[in-house]
Amino acid sequence: EFLLTMAEVYEEVVGGALKLKGVTSGGVKKSKKKKKAKKIVETIEKVELKTSEKTAAQKAFKKVQDKRQTERILKKAEKTHKQRVEDLNKHLDDLTEHYDIPKVSWTK
């Protein structure tokens, strides 16, 4: 009968690297890390140069944004946390009962 040993099964296997159709070169060439790092540094420098050149409108917008931010900070610094909590409690006391959370009970 037709019985093969393990060694006989693998005799017909072709060894070596896989070959791609239509590719005659030796393989994929890897890029040099040093060149890649230099390119990254150059692109970062270009981006920094572009961001530093702002238009008049962009400068005015940034100025107004900074002004508003300082106003917000000063407004928050006027009151202490304790005063803010007291104001919130006072506001909640002034609200009508319509806004109260209804009591939920399974027994009633």
Protein backbone atom coordinates (compact mmCIF):
# COMPACT_ATOMS: atom_id res chain seq x y z
CA GLU A 1 0.00 0.00 0.00
CA PHE A 2 0.92 3.66 -0.31
CA LEU A 3 2.42 4.62 3.06
CA LEU A 4 4.96 7.40 3.39
CA THR A 5 7.27 8.22 6.23
CA MET A 6 7.59 11.77 7.55
CA ALA A 7 10.90 12.27 5.77
CA GLU A 8 9.44 11.18 2.44
CA VAL A 9 6.53 13.63 2.77
CA TYR A 10 8.89 16.62 2.98
CA GLU A 11 11.22 15.54 0.17
CA GLU A 12 9.18 17.36 -2.49
CA VAL A 13 9.06 20.68 -0.61
CA VAL A 14 10.97 23.48 -2.32
CA GLY A 15 13.24 25.35 0.07
CA GLY A 16 14.38 28.96 0.04
CA ALA A 17 12.72 32.37 0.15
CA LEU A 18 9.37 33.10 -1.46
CA LYS A 19 9.62 34.62 -4.91
CA LEU A 20 7.22 37.27 -6.17
CA LYS A 21 6.11 37.32 -9.79
CA GLY A 22 7.37 40.27 -11.83
CA VAL A 23 9.91 41.38 -9.24
CA THR A 24 13.51 41.10 -10.40
CA SER A 25 15.29 43.16 -7.72
CA GLY A 26 16.83 41.67 -4.63
CA GLY A 27 14.09 42.97 -2.34
CA VAL A 28 12.78 46.03 -0.55
CA LYS A 29 15.42 48.58 0.37
CA LYS A 30 15.15 49.98 3.87
CA SER A 31 15.48 53.72 4.41
CA LYS A 32 18.39 55.00 6.42
CA LYS A 33 17.39 56.13 9.88
CA LYS A 34 19.78 59.08 9.91
CA LYS A 35 18.33 60.56 6.73
CA LYS A 36 14.81 60.06 8.02
CA ALA A 37 15.62 61.82 11.30
CA LYS A 38 17.13 64.78 9.44
CA LYS A 39 14.01 65.10 7.29
CA ILE A 40 11.79 65.08 10.35
CA VAL A 41 13.86 67.83 11.99
CA GLU A 42 13.70 69.91 8.81
CA THR A 43 9.91 69.57 8.52
CA ILE A 44 9.47 70.55 12.17
CA GLU A 45 11.58 73.67 11.60
CA LYS A 46 9.51 74.58 8.53
CA VAL A 47 6.27 74.22 10.48
CA GLU A 48 7.64 76.41 13.28
CA LEU A 49 8.55 79.12 10.78
CA LYS A 50 5.08 79.04 9.25
CA THR A 51 3.35 79.29 12.63
CA SER A 52 5.45 82.27 13.72
CA GLU A 53 4.37 84.27 10.64
CA LYS A 54 0.85 85.29 11.71
CA THR A 55 -1.46 87.67 9.92
CA ALA A 56 -2.76 90.84 11.52
CA ALA A 57 -6.17 89.24 12.05
CA GLN A 58 -4.61 86.25 13.78
CA LYS A 59 -2.59 88.52 16.05
CA ALA A 60 -5.68 90.59 16.93
CA PHE A 61 -7.70 87.43 17.61
CA LYS A 62 -5.00 86.08 19.92
CA LYS A 63 -4.82 89.42 21.75
CA VAL A 64 -8.59 89.50 22.35
CA GLN A 65 -8.56 85.84 23.40
CA ASP A 66 -5.82 86.51 25.97
CA LYS A 67 -7.69 89.57 27.27
CA ARG A 68 -10.90 87.58 27.76
CA GLN A 69 -9.02 84.79 29.49
CA THR A 70 -7.45 87.21 31.99
CA GLU A 71 -10.90 88.73 32.65
CA ARG A 72 -12.32 85.25 33.37
CA ILE A 73 -9.46 84.49 35.74
CA LEU A 74 -9.92 87.78 37.61
CA LYS A 75 -13.68 87.19 37.87
CA LYS A 76 -13.15 83.73 39.36
CA ALA A 77 -10.53 85.07 41.76
CA GLU A 78 -12.96 87.64 43.24
CA LYS A 79 -14.84 85.03 45.32
CA THR A 80 -13.59 82.24 47.52
CA HIS A 81 -14.92 78.73 47.17
CA LYS A 82 -16.94 79.17 50.34
CA GLN A 83 -18.65 82.27 48.93
CA ARG A 84 -19.47 80.46 45.68
CA VAL A 85 -21.01 77.55 47.59
CA GLU A 86 -23.11 79.96 49.69
CA ASP A 87 -24.35 81.71 46.53
CA LEU A 88 -25.28 78.38 44.96
CA ASN A 89 -27.18 77.30 48.08
CA LYS A 90 -28.99 80.64 48.18
CA HIS A 91 -29.96 80.23 44.51
CA LEU A 92 -31.22 76.67 45.10
CA ASP A 93 -33.30 77.85 48.06
CA ASP A 94 -34.93 80.51 45.88
CA LEU A 95 -36.09 77.99 43.26
CA THR A 96 -39.70 76.83 43.37
CA GLU A 97 -40.72 73.36 44.44
CA HIS A 98 -41.38 72.54 40.81
CA TYR A 99 -37.68 71.81 40.46
CA ASP A 100 -37.51 69.49 43.48
CA ILE A 101 -36.73 65.83 42.86
CA PRO A 102 -39.88 63.81 43.61
CA LYS A 103 -39.59 61.16 46.29
CA VAL A 104 -39.75 57.64 44.94
CA SER A 105 -40.98 54.87 47.17
CA TRP A 106 -41.89 51.28 46.38
CA THR A 107 -44.15 50.90 49.42
CA LYS A 108 -46.71 53.56 48.51
